[in-house]
Amino acid sequence: LSGNHCYGCGTENAHGLHIKSYWAAENKAVCHFTPQPFHIAAPTHFL
């Protein structure tokens, strides 16, 4: 996707999350995401 500056999925956002999605089966897209320690909620052990 050219021109995608989205914080979550844009490859053209240097500070974004850069999620990656792909086809795993017909009409089933998968994305793996590994949280970083600073992605915490109020309790520090949750996303």
ModelCIF file with pLDDT and N, C-alpha, C, O atoms, coordinates in Angstrom:
data_MODEL
#
_entry.id   MODEL 
#
_entity.id                         1 
_entity.type                       polymer 
_entity.pdbx_number_of_molecules   1 
#
_entity_poly.entity_id                      1 
_entity_poly.type                           'polypeptide(L)' 
_entity_poly.nstd_linkage                   no 
_entity_poly.nstd_monomer                   no 
_entity_poly.pdbx_seq_one_letter_code       LSGNHCYGCGTENAHGLHIKSYWAAENKAVCHFTPQPFHIAAPTHFL 
_entity_poly.pdbx_seq_one_letter_code_can   LSGNHCYGCGTENAHGLHIKSYWAAENKAVCHFTPQPFHIAAPTHFL 
_entity_poly.pdbx_strand_id                 A 
#
loop_
_entity_poly_seq.entity_id 
_entity_poly_seq.num 
_entity_poly_seq.mon_id 
_entity_poly_seq.hetero 
1 1  LEU n 
1 2  SER n 
1 3  GLY n 
1 4  ASN n 
1 5  HIS n 
1 6  CYS n 
1 7  TYR n 
1 8  GLY n 
1 9  CYS n 
1 10 GLY n 
1 11 THR n 
1 12 GLU n 
1 13 ASN n 
1 14 ALA n 
1 15 HIS n 
1 16 GLY n 
1 17 LEU n 
1 18 HIS n 
1 19 ILE n 
1 20 LYS n 
1 21 SER n 
1 22 TYR n 
1 23 TRP n 
1 24 ALA n 
1 25 ALA n 
1 26 GLU n 
1 27 ASN n 
1 28 LYS n 
1 29 ALA n 
1 30 VAL n 
1 31 CYS n 
1 32 HIS n 
1 33 PHE n 
1 34 THR n 
1 35 PRO n 
1 36 GLN n 
1 37 PRO n 
1 38 PHE n 
1 39 HIS n 
1 40 ILE n 
1 41 ALA n 
1 42 ALA n 
1 43 PRO n 
1 44 THR n 
1 45 HIS n 
1 46 PHE n 
1 47 LEU n 
#
_struct_asym.id          A 
_struct_asym.entity_id   1 
#
loop_
_ma_qa_metric.id 
_ma_qa_metric.mode 
_ma_qa_metric.name 
_ma_qa_metric.software_group_id 
_ma_qa_metric.type 
1 global pLDDT . pLDDT 
2 local  pLDDT . pLDDT 
#
_ma_qa_metric_global.metric_id      1 
_ma_qa_metric_global.metric_value   95.51 
_ma_qa_metric_global.model_id       1 
_ma_qa_metric_global.ordinal_id     1 
#
loop_
_ma_qa_metric_local.label_asym_id 
_ma_qa_metric_local.label_comp_id 
_ma_qa_metric_local.label_seq_id 
_ma_qa_metric_local.metric_id 
_ma_qa_metric_local.metric_value 
_ma_qa_metric_local.model_id 
_ma_qa_metric_local.ordinal_id 
A LEU 1  2 95.00 1 1  
A SER 2  2 91.00 1 2  
A GLY 3  2 89.00 1 3  
A ASN 4  2 92.00 1 4  
A HIS 5  2 92.00 1 5  
A CYS 6  2 94.00 1 6  
A TYR 7  2 95.00 1 7  
A GLY 8  2 95.00 1 8  
A CYS 9  2 95.00 1 9  
A GLY 10 2 94.00 1 10 
A THR 11 2 95.00 1 11 
A GLU 12 2 93.00 1 12 
A ASN 13 2 95.00 1 13 
A ALA 14 2 96.00 1 14 
A HIS 15 2 96.00 1 15 
A GLY 16 2 96.00 1 16 
A LEU 17 2 97.00 1 17 
A HIS 18 2 97.00 1 18 
A ILE 19 2 97.00 1 19 
A LYS 20 2 98.00 1 20 
A SER 21 2 98.00 1 21 
A TYR 22 2 98.00 1 22 
A TRP 23 2 97.00 1 23 
A ALA 24 2 97.00 1 24 
A ALA 25 2 94.00 1 25 
A GLU 26 2 91.00 1 26 
A ASN 27 2 94.00 1 27 
A LYS 28 2 97.00 1 28 
A ALA 29 2 98.00 1 29 
A VAL 30 2 98.00 1 30 
A CYS 31 2 98.00 1 31 
A HIS 32 2 98.00 1 32 
A PHE 33 2 98.00 1 33 
A THR 34 2 97.00 1 34 
A PRO 35 2 97.00 1 35 
A GLN 36 2 96.00 1 36 
A PRO 37 2 95.00 1 37 
A PHE 38 2 96.00 1 38 
A HIS 39 2 96.00 1 39 
A ILE 40 2 95.00 1 40 
A ALA 41 2 95.00 1 41 
A ALA 42 2 94.00 1 42 
A PRO 43 2 94.00 1 43 
A THR 44 2 95.00 1 44 
A HIS 45 2 96.00 1 45 
A PHE 46 2 97.00 1 46 
A LEU 47 2 98.00 1 47 
#
loop_
_atom_site.group_PDB 
_atom_site.id 
_atom_site.type_symbol 
_atom_site.label_atom_id 
_atom_site.label_alt_id 
_atom_site.label_comp_id 
_atom_site.label_asym_id 
_atom_site.label_entity_id 
_atom_site.label_seq_id 
_atom_site.pdbx_PDB_ins_code 
_atom_site.Cartn_x 
_atom_site.Cartn_y 
_atom_site.Cartn_z 
_atom_site.occupancy 
_atom_site.B_iso_or_equiv 
_atom_site.pdbx_formal_charge 
_atom_site.auth_seq_id 
_atom_site.auth_comp_id 
_atom_site.auth_asym_id 
_atom_site.auth_atom_id 
_atom_site.pdbx_PDB_model_num 
ATOM 1   N N  . LEU A 1 1  ? 0.839   -1.205  0.000  1.00 95.00 ? 1  LEU A N  1 
ATOM 2   C CA . LEU A 1 1  ? 0.000   0.000   0.000  1.00 95.00 ? 1  LEU A CA 1 
ATOM 3   C C  . LEU A 1 1  ? 0.868   1.246   0.000  1.00 95.00 ? 1  LEU A C  1 
ATOM 4   O O  . LEU A 1 1  ? 1.519   1.556   0.998  1.00 95.00 ? 1  LEU A O  1 
ATOM 5   N N  . SER A 1 2  ? 0.878   1.945   -1.097 1.00 91.00 ? 2  SER A N  1 
ATOM 6   C CA . SER A 1 2  ? 1.652   3.167   -1.215 1.00 91.00 ? 2  SER A CA 1 
ATOM 7   C C  . SER A 1 2  ? 0.875   4.339   -0.612 1.00 91.00 ? 2  SER A C  1 
ATOM 8   O O  . SER A 1 2  ? -0.333  4.462   -0.816 1.00 91.00 ? 2  SER A O  1 
ATOM 9   N N  . GLY A 1 3  ? 1.571   5.191   0.125  1.00 89.00 ? 3  GLY A N  1 
ATOM 10  C CA . GLY A 1 3  ? 0.944   6.383   0.681  1.00 89.00 ? 3  GLY A CA 1 
ATOM 11  C C  . GLY A 1 3  ? 0.221   6.155   1.996  1.00 89.00 ? 3  GLY A C  1 
ATOM 12  O O  . GLY A 1 3  ? -0.597  6.984   2.396  1.00 89.00 ? 3  GLY A O  1 
ATOM 13  N N  . ASN A 1 4  ? 0.504   5.046   2.681  1.00 92.00 ? 4  ASN A N  1 
ATOM 14  C CA . ASN A 1 4  ? -0.180  4.754   3.938  1.00 92.00 ? 4  ASN A CA 1 
ATOM 15  C C  . ASN A 1 4  ? 0.674   5.233   5.117  1.00 92.00 ? 4  ASN A C  1 
ATOM 16  O O  . ASN A 1 4  ? 1.705   4.640   5.437  1.00 92.00 ? 4  ASN A O  1 
ATOM 17  N N  . HIS A 1 5  ? 0.221   6.319   5.754  1.00 92.00 ? 5  HIS A N  1 
ATOM 18  C CA . HIS A 1 5  ? 0.934   6.923   6.879  1.00 92.00 ? 5  HIS A CA 1 
ATOM 19  C C  . HIS A 1 5  ? 0.269   6.603   8.215  1.00 92.00 ? 5  HIS A C  1 
ATOM 20  O O  . HIS A 1 5  ? 0.583   7.238   9.222  1.00 92.00 ? 5  HIS A O  1 
ATOM 21  N N  . CYS A 1 6  ? -0.624  5.650   8.242  1.00 94.00 ? 6  CYS A N  1 
ATOM 22  C CA . CYS A 1 6  ? -1.383  5.314   9.441  1.00 94.00 ? 6  CYS A CA 1 
ATOM 23  C C  . CYS A 1 6  ? -0.464  4.904   10.587 1.00 94.00 ? 6  CYS A C  1 
ATOM 24  O O  . CYS A 1 6  ? 0.535   4.217   10.374 1.00 94.00 ? 6  CYS A O  1 
ATOM 25  N N  . TYR A 1 7  ? -0.803  5.324   11.792 1.00 95.00 ? 7  TYR A N  1 
ATOM 26  C CA . TYR A 1 7  ? -0.020  4.967   12.978 1.00 95.00 ? 7  TYR A CA 1 
ATOM 27  C C  . TYR A 1 7  ? 0.019   3.456   13.205 1.00 95.00 ? 7  TYR A C  1 
ATOM 28  O O  . TYR A 1 7  ? 1.054   2.923   13.606 1.00 95.00 ? 7  TYR A O  1 
ATOM 29  N N  . GLY A 1 8  ? -1.070  2.775   12.960 1.00 95.00 ? 8  GLY A N  1 
ATOM 30  C CA . GLY A 1 8  ? -1.131  1.346   13.233 1.00 95.00 ? 8  GLY A CA 1 
ATOM 31  C C  . GLY A 1 8  ? -0.554  0.483   12.132 1.00 95.00 ? 8  GLY A C  1 
ATOM 32  O O  . GLY A 1 8  ? 0.187   -0.463  12.400 1.00 95.00 ? 8  GLY A O  1 
ATOM 33  N N  . CYS A 1 9  ? -0.897  0.809   10.875 1.00 95.00 ? 9  CYS A N  1 
ATOM 34  C CA . CYS A 1 9  ? -0.556  -0.102  9.782  1.00 95.00 ? 9  CYS A CA 1 
ATOM 35  C C  . CYS A 1 9  ? 0.299   0.517   8.684  1.00 95.00 ? 9  CYS A C  1 
ATOM 36  O O  . CYS A 1 9  ? 0.701   -0.184  7.755  1.00 95.00 ? 9  CYS A O  1 
ATOM 37  N N  . GLY A 1 10 ? 0.580   1.783   8.764  1.00 94.00 ? 10 GLY A N  1 
ATOM 38  C CA . GLY A 1 10 ? 1.307   2.452   7.691  1.00 94.00 ? 10 GLY A CA 1 
ATOM 39  C C  . GLY A 1 10 ? 2.792   2.181   7.701  1.00 94.00 ? 10 GLY A C  1 
ATOM 40  O O  . GLY A 1 10 ? 3.460   2.337   8.723  1.00 94.00 ? 10 GLY A O  1 
ATOM 41  N N  . THR A 1 11 ? 3.300   1.776   6.560  1.00 95.00 ? 11 THR A N  1 
ATOM 42  C CA . THR A 1 11 ? 4.743   1.571   6.432  1.00 95.00 ? 11 THR A CA 1 
ATOM 43  C C  . THR A 1 11 ? 5.472   2.905   6.327  1.00 95.00 ? 11 THR A C  1 
ATOM 44  O O  . THR A 1 11 ? 6.691   2.965   6.491  1.00 95.00 ? 11 THR A O  1 
ATOM 45  N N  . GLU A 1 12 ? 4.726   3.976   6.052  1.00 93.00 ? 12 GLU A N  1 
ATOM 46  C CA . GLU A 1 12 ? 5.338   5.288   5.848  1.00 93.00 ? 12 GLU A CA 1 
ATOM 47  C C  . GLU A 1 12 ? 5.237   6.172   7.091  1.00 93.00 ? 12 GLU A C  1 
ATOM 48  O O  . GLU A 1 12 ? 5.352   7.394   6.993  1.00 93.00 ? 12 GLU A O  1 
ATOM 49  N N  . ASN A 1 13 ? 5.025   5.565   8.255  1.00 95.00 ? 13 ASN A N  1 
ATOM 50  C CA . ASN A 1 13 ? 5.011   6.288   9.520  1.00 95.00 ? 13 ASN A CA 1 
ATOM 51  C C  . ASN A 1 13 ? 6.150   5.732   10.370 1.00 95.00 ? 13 ASN A C  1 
ATOM 52  O O  . ASN A 1 13 ? 6.062   4.624   10.898 1.00 95.00 ? 13 ASN A O  1 
ATOM 53  N N  . ALA A 1 14 ? 7.203   6.504   10.493 1.00 96.00 ? 14 ALA A N  1 
ATOM 54  C CA . ALA A 1 14 ? 8.402   6.042   11.202 1.00 96.00 ? 14 ALA A CA 1 
ATOM 55  C C  . ALA A 1 14 ? 8.126   5.693   12.668 1.00 96.00 ? 14 ALA A C  1 
ATOM 56  O O  . ALA A 1 14 ? 8.852   4.888   13.251 1.00 96.00 ? 14 ALA A O  1 
ATOM 57  N N  . HIS A 1 15 ? 7.107   6.276   13.264 1.00 96.00 ? 15 HIS A N  1 
ATOM 58  C CA . HIS A 1 15 ? 6.818   6.056   14.677 1.00 96.00 ? 15 HIS A CA 1 
ATOM 59  C C  . HIS A 1 15 ? 5.648   5.105   14.904 1.00 96.00 ? 15 HIS A C  1 
ATOM 60  O O  . HIS A 1 15 ? 5.213   4.920   16.040 1.00 96.00 ? 15 HIS A O  1 
ATOM 61  N N  . GLY A 1 16 ? 5.138   4.503   13.841 1.00 96.00 ? 16 GLY A N  1 
ATOM 62  C CA . GLY A 1 16 ? 3.954   3.667   13.943 1.00 96.00 ? 16 GLY A CA 1 
ATOM 63  C C  . GLY A 1 16 ? 4.214   2.263   14.460 1.00 96.00 ? 16 GLY A C  1 
ATOM 64  O O  . GLY A 1 16 ? 5.349   1.879   14.745 1.00 96.00 ? 16 GLY A O  1 
ATOM 65  N N  . LEU A 1 17 ? 3.122   1.505   14.570 1.00 97.00 ? 17 LEU A N  1 
ATOM 66  C CA . LEU A 1 17 ? 3.174   0.130   15.070 1.00 97.00 ? 17 LEU A CA 1 
ATOM 67  C C  . LEU A 1 17 ? 3.639   -0.857  13.998 1.00 97.00 ? 17 LEU A C  1 
ATOM 68  O O  . LEU A 1 17 ? 4.191   -1.908  14.322 1.00 97.00 ? 17 LEU A O  1 
ATOM 69  N N  . HIS A 1 18 ? 3.419   -0.523  12.731 1.00 97.00 ? 18 HIS A N  1 
ATOM 70  C CA . HIS A 1 18 ? 3.838   -1.347  11.595 1.00 97.00 ? 18 HIS A CA 1 
ATOM 71  C C  . HIS A 1 18 ? 3.307   -2.777  11.651 1.00 97.00 ? 18 HIS A C  1 
ATOM 72  O O  . HIS A 1 18 ? 4.055   -3.734  11.453 1.00 97.00 ? 18 HIS A O  1 
ATOM 73  N N  . ILE A 1 19 ? 2.001   -2.914  11.925 1.00 97.00 ? 19 ILE A N  1 
ATOM 74  C CA . ILE A 1 19 ? 1.435   -4.263  11.915 1.00 97.00 ? 19 ILE A CA 1 
ATOM 75  C C  . ILE A 1 19 ? 1.528   -4.837  10.505 1.00 97.00 ? 19 ILE A C  1 
ATOM 76  O O  . ILE A 1 19 ? 1.579   -4.098  9.523  1.00 97.00 ? 19 ILE A O  1 
ATOM 77  N N  . LYS A 1 20 ? 1.551   -6.146  10.423 1.00 98.00 ? 20 LYS A N  1 
ATOM 78  C CA . LYS A 1 20 ? 1.671   -6.842  9.137  1.00 98.00 ? 20 LYS A CA 1 
ATOM 79  C C  . LYS A 1 20 ? 0.579   -7.901  9.049  1.00 98.00 ? 20 LYS A C  1 
ATOM 80  O O  . LYS A 1 20 ? 0.467   -8.767  9.916  1.00 98.00 ? 20 LYS A O  1 
ATOM 81  N N  . SER A 1 21 ? -0.218  -7.823  7.999  1.00 98.00 ? 21 SER A N  1 
ATOM 82  C CA . SER A 1 21 ? -1.333  -8.752  7.781  1.00 98.00 ? 21 SER A CA 1 
ATOM 83  C C  . SER A 1 21 ? -1.080  -9.554  6.515  1.00 98.00 ? 21 SER A C  1 
ATOM 84  O O  . SER A 1 21 ? -0.468  -9.059  5.568  1.00 98.00 ? 21 SER A O  1 
ATOM 85  N N  . TYR A 1 22 ? -1.556  -10.801 6.502  1.00 98.00 ? 22 TYR A N  1 
ATOM 86  C CA . TYR A 1 22 ? -1.369  -11.658 5.338  1.00 98.00 ? 22 TYR A CA 1 
ATOM 87  C C  . TYR A 1 22 ? -2.491  -12.685 5.269  1.00 98.00 ? 22 TYR A C  1 
ATOM 88  O O  . TYR A 1 22 ? -3.173  -12.947 6.260  1.00 98.00 ? 22 TYR A O  1 
ATOM 89  N N  . TRP A 1 23 ? -2.672  -13.260 4.090  1.00 97.00 ? 23 TRP A N  1 
ATOM 90  C CA . TRP A 1 23 ? -3.670  -14.317 3.921  1.00 97.00 ? 23 TRP A CA 1 
ATOM 91  C C  . TRP A 1 23 ? -3.118  -15.614 4.492  1.00 97.00 ? 23 TRP A C  1 
ATOM 92  O O  . TRP A 1 23 ? -2.031  -16.054 4.116  1.00 97.00 ? 23 TRP A O  1 
ATOM 93  N N  . ALA A 1 24 ? -3.868  -16.221 5.398  1.00 97.00 ? 24 ALA A N  1 
ATOM 94  C CA . ALA A 1 24 ? -3.500  -17.533 5.949  1.00 97.00 ? 24 ALA A CA 1 
ATOM 95  C C  . ALA A 1 24 ? -4.346  -18.622 5.317  1.00 97.00 ? 24 ALA A C  1 
ATOM 96  O O  . ALA A 1 24 ? -3.958  -19.790 5.303  1.00 97.00 ? 24 ALA A O  1 
ATOM 97  N N  . ALA A 1 25 ? -5.503  -18.240 4.794  1.00 94.00 ? 25 ALA A N  1 
ATOM 98  C CA . ALA A 1 25 ? -6.435  -19.145 4.122  1.00 94.00 ? 25 ALA A CA 1 
ATOM 99  C C  . ALA A 1 25 ? -7.352  -18.256 3.292  1.00 94.00 ? 25 ALA A C  1 
ATOM 100 O O  . ALA A 1 25 ? -7.276  -17.029 3.362  1.00 94.00 ? 25 ALA A O  1 
ATOM 101 N N  . GLU A 1 26 ? -8.216  -18.887 2.511  1.00 91.00 ? 26 GLU A N  1 
ATOM 102 C CA . GLU A 1 26 ? -9.148  -18.092 1.720  1.00 91.00 ? 26 GLU A CA 1 
ATOM 103 C C  . GLU A 1 26 ? -10.012 -17.250 2.663  1.00 91.00 ? 26 GLU A C  1 
ATOM 104 O O  . GLU A 1 26 ? -10.695 -17.786 3.535  1.00 91.00 ? 26 GLU A O  1 
ATOM 105 N N  . ASN A 1 27 ? -9.973  -15.942 2.481  1.00 94.00 ? 27 ASN A N  1 
ATOM 106 C CA . ASN A 1 27 ? -10.730 -14.980 3.278  1.00 94.00 ? 27 ASN A CA 1 
ATOM 107 C C  . ASN A 1 27 ? -10.446 -15.092 4.779  1.00 94.00 ? 27 ASN A C  1 
ATOM 108 O O  . ASN A 1 27 ? -11.343 -14.881 5.595  1.00 94.00 ? 27 ASN A O  1 
ATOM 109 N N  . LYS A 1 28 ? -9.222  -15.419 5.141  1.00 97.00 ? 28 LYS A N  1 
ATOM 110 C CA . LYS A 1 28 ? -8.793  -15.390 6.540  1.00 97.00 ? 28 LYS A CA 1 
ATOM 111 C C  . LYS A 1 28 ? -7.429  -14.726 6.601  1.00 97.00 ? 28 LYS A C  1 
ATOM 112 O O  . LYS A 1 28 ? -6.412  -15.312 6.227  1.00 97.00 ? 28 LYS A O  1 
ATOM 113 N N  . ALA A 1 29 ? -7.433  -13.493 7.080  1.00 98.00 ? 29 ALA A N  1 
ATOM 114 C CA . ALA A 1 29 ? -6.196  -12.739 7.202  1.00 98.00 ? 29 ALA A CA 1 
ATOM 115 C C  . ALA A 1 29 ? -5.707  -12.812 8.647  1.00 98.00 ? 29 ALA A C  1 
ATOM 116 O O  . ALA A 1 29 ? -6.494  -12.770 9.592  1.00 98.00 ? 29 ALA A O  1 
ATOM 117 N N  . VAL A 1 30 ? -4.409  -12.921 8.787  1.00 98.00 ? 30 VAL A N  1 
ATOM 118 C CA . VAL A 1 30 ? -3.796  -13.062 10.105 1.00 98.00 ? 30 VAL A CA 1 
ATOM 119 C C  . VAL A 1 30 ? -2.761  -11.961 10.306 1.00 98.00 ? 30 VAL A C  1 
ATOM 120 O O  . VAL A 1 30 ? -2.108  -11.510 9.365  1.00 98.00 ? 30 VAL A O  1 
ATOM 121 N N  . CYS A 1 31 ? -2.633  -11.545 11.557 1.00 98.00 ? 31 CYS A N  1 
ATOM 122 C CA . CYS A 1 31 ? -1.619  -10.573 11.957 1.00 98.00 ? 31 CYS A CA 1 
ATOM 123 C C  . CYS A 1 31 ? -1.071  -11.012 13.307 1.00 98.00 ? 31 CYS A C  1 
ATOM 124 O O  . CYS A 1 31 ? -1.836  -11.318 14.221 1.00 98.00 ? 31 CYS A O  1 
ATOM 125 N N  . HIS A 1 32 ? 0.245   -11.043 13.431 1.00 98.00 ? 32 HIS A N  1 
ATOM 126 C CA . HIS A 1 32 ? 0.903   -11.333 14.704 1.00 98.00 ? 32 HIS A CA 1 
ATOM 127 C C  . HIS A 1 32 ? 1.463   -10.016 15.231 1.00 98.00 ? 32 HIS A C  1 
ATOM 128 O O  . HIS A 1 32 ? 2.105   -9.268  14.494 1.00 98.00 ? 32 HIS A O  1 
ATOM 129 N N  . PHE A 1 33 ? 1.217   -9.740  16.499 1.00 98.00 ? 33 PHE A N  1 
ATOM 130 C CA . PHE A 1 33 ? 1.700   -8.494  17.094 1.00 98.00 ? 33 PHE A CA 1 
ATOM 131 C C  . PHE A 1 33 ? 2.290   -8.813  18.464 1.00 98.00 ? 33 PHE A C  1 
ATOM 132 O O  . PHE A 1 33 ? 1.660   -9.469  19.294 1.00 98.00 ? 33 PHE A O  1 
ATOM 133 N N  . THR A 1 34 ? 3.505   -8.338  18.677 1.00 97.00 ? 34 THR A N  1 
ATOM 134 C CA . THR A 1 34 ? 4.158   -8.514  19.972 1.00 97.00 ? 34 THR A CA 1 
ATOM 135 C C  . THR A 1 34 ? 4.211   -7.163  20.670 1.00 97.00 ? 34 THR A C  1 
ATOM 136 O O  . THR A 1 34 ? 4.914   -6.258  20.222 1.00 97.00 ? 34 THR A O  1 
ATOM 137 N N  . PRO A 1 35 ? 3.470   -7.023  21.767 1.00 97.00 ? 35 PRO A N  1 
ATOM 138 C CA . PRO A 1 35 ? 3.470   -5.745  22.491 1.00 97.00 ? 35 PRO A CA 1 
ATOM 139 C C  . PRO A 1 35 ? 4.849   -5.404  23.045 1.00 97.00 ? 35 PRO A C  1 
ATOM 140 O O  . PRO A 1 35 ? 5.652   -6.279  23.370 1.00 97.00 ? 35 PRO A O  1 
ATOM 141 N N  . GLN A 1 36 ? 5.086   -4.122  23.138 1.00 96.00 ? 36 GLN A N  1 
ATOM 142 C CA . GLN A 1 36 ? 6.297   -3.608  23.774 1.00 96.00 ? 36 GLN A CA 1 
ATOM 143 C C  . GLN A 1 36 ? 5.951   -3.223  25.216 1.00 96.00 ? 36 GLN A C  1 
ATOM 144 O O  . GLN A 1 36 ? 4.782   -2.977  25.513 1.00 96.00 ? 36 GLN A O  1 
ATOM 145 N N  . PRO A 1 37 ? 6.919   -3.165  26.100 1.00 95.00 ? 37 PRO A N  1 
ATOM 146 C CA . PRO A 1 37 ? 6.638   -2.850  27.504 1.00 95.00 ? 37 PRO A CA 1 
ATOM 147 C C  . PRO A 1 37 ? 5.889   -1.533  27.709 1.00 95.00 ? 37 PRO A C  1 
ATOM 148 O O  . PRO A 1 37 ? 5.144   -1.402  28.680 1.00 95.00 ? 37 PRO A O  1 
ATOM 149 N N  . PHE A 1 38 ? 6.068   -0.562  26.822 1.00 96.00 ? 38 PHE A N  1 
ATOM 150 C CA . PHE A 1 38 ? 5.402   0.736   26.951 1.00 96.00 ? 38 PHE A CA 1 
ATOM 151 C C  . PHE A 1 38 ? 3.974   0.736   26.402 1.00 96.00 ? 38 PHE A C  1 
ATOM 152 O O  . PHE A 1 38 ? 3.319   1.777   26.435 1.00 96.00 ? 38 PHE A O  1 
ATOM 153 N N  . HIS A 1 39 ? 3.476   -0.381  25.906 1.00 96.00 ? 39 HIS A N  1 
ATOM 154 C CA . HIS A 1 39 ? 2.091   -0.515  25.439 1.00 96.00 ? 39 HIS A CA 1 
ATOM 155 C C  . HIS A 1 39 ? 1.153   -0.913  26.578 1.00 96.00 ? 39 HIS A C  1 
ATOM 156 O O  . HIS A 1 39 ? 0.068   -1.439  26.329 1.00 96.00 ? 39 HIS A O  1 
ATOM 157 N N  . ILE A 1 40 ? 1.551   -0.671  27.797 1.00 95.00 ? 40 ILE A N  1 
ATOM 158 C CA . ILE A 1 40 ? 0.824   -1.123  28.984 1.00 95.00 ? 40 ILE A CA 1 
ATOM 159 C C  . ILE A 1 40 ? -0.461  -0.337  29.237 1.00 95.00 ? 40 ILE A C  1 
ATOM 160 O O  . ILE A 1 40 ? -0.633  0.798   28.791 1.00 95.00 ? 40 ILE A O  1 
ATOM 161 N N  . ALA A 1 41 ? -1.346  -0.989  29.969 1.00 95.00 ? 41 ALA A N  1 
ATOM 162 C CA . ALA A 1 41 ? -2.551  -0.361  30.499 1.00 95.00 ? 41 ALA A CA 1 
ATOM 163 C C  . ALA A 1 41 ? -2.199  0.198   31.886 1.00 95.00 ? 41 ALA A C  1 
ATOM 164 O O  . ALA A 1 41 ? -1.024  0.257   32.248 1.00 95.00 ? 41 ALA A O  1 
ATOM 165 N N  . ALA A 1 42 ? -3.211  0.607   32.658 1.00 94.00 ? 42 ALA A N  1 
ATOM 166 C CA . ALA A 1 42 ? -2.945  1.087   34.027 1.00 94.00 ? 42 ALA A CA 1 
ATOM 167 C C  . ALA A 1 42 ? -2.266  -0.006  34.850 1.00 94.00 ? 42 ALA A C  1 
ATOM 168 O O  . ALA A 1 42 ? -1.241  0.265   35.476 1.00 94.00 ? 42 ALA A O  1 
ATOM 169 N N  . PRO A 1 43 ? -2.799  -1.235  34.873 1.00 94.00 ? 43 PRO A N  1 
ATOM 170 C CA . PRO A 1 43 ? -1.998  -2.299  35.492 1.00 94.00 ? 43 PRO A CA 1 
ATOM 171 C C  . PRO A 1 43 ? -0.908  -2.706  34.498 1.00 94.00 ? 43 PRO A C  1 
ATOM 172 O O  . PRO A 1 43 ? -1.208  -3.049  33.355 1.00 94.00 ? 43 PRO A O  1 
ATOM 173 N N  . THR A 1 44 ? 0.307   -2.671  34.914 1.00 95.00 ? 44 THR A N  1 
ATOM 174 C CA . THR A 1 44 ? 1.437   -2.794  34.000 1.00 95.00 ? 44 THR A CA 1 
ATOM 175 C C  . THR A 1 44 ? 1.612   -4.169  33.369 1.00 95.00 ? 44 THR A C  1 
ATOM 176 O O  . THR A 1 44 ? 2.485   -4.339  32.517 1.00 95.00 ? 44 THR A O  1 
ATOM 177 N N  . HIS A 1 45 ? 0.818   -5.142  33.758 1.00 96.00 ? 45 HIS A N  1 
ATOM 178 C CA . HIS A 1 45 ? 0.940   -6.481  33.171 1.00 96.00 ? 45 HIS A CA 1 
ATOM 179 C C  . HIS A 1 45 ? -0.077  -6.729  32.061 1.00 96.00 ? 45 HIS A C  1 
ATOM 180 O O  . HIS A 1 45 ? -0.143  -7.832  31.519 1.00 96.00 ? 45 HIS A O  1 
ATOM 181 N N  . PHE A 1 46 ? -0.884  -5.695  31.713 1.00 97.00 ? 46 PHE A N  1 
ATOM 182 C CA . PHE A 1 46 ? -1.882  -5.844  30.654 1.00 97.00 ? 46 PHE A CA 1 
ATOM 183 C C  . PHE A 1 46 ? -1.622  -4.881  29.504 1.00 97.00 ? 46 PHE A C  1 
ATOM 184 O O  . PHE A 1 46 ? -1.066  -3.799  29.692 1.00 97.00 ? 46 PHE A O  1 
ATOM 185 N N  . LEU A 1 47 ? -2.039  -5.300  28.299 1.00 98.00 ? 47 LEU A N  1 
ATOM 186 C CA . LEU A 1 47 ? -1.961  -4.484  27.092 1.00 98.00 ? 47 LEU A CA 1 
ATOM 187 C C  . LEU A 1 47 ? -3.063  -3.430  27.119 1.00 98.00 ? 47 LEU A C  1 
ATOM 188 O O  . LEU A 1 47 ? -3.176  -2.632  26.189 1.00 98.00 ? 47 LEU A O  1 
#
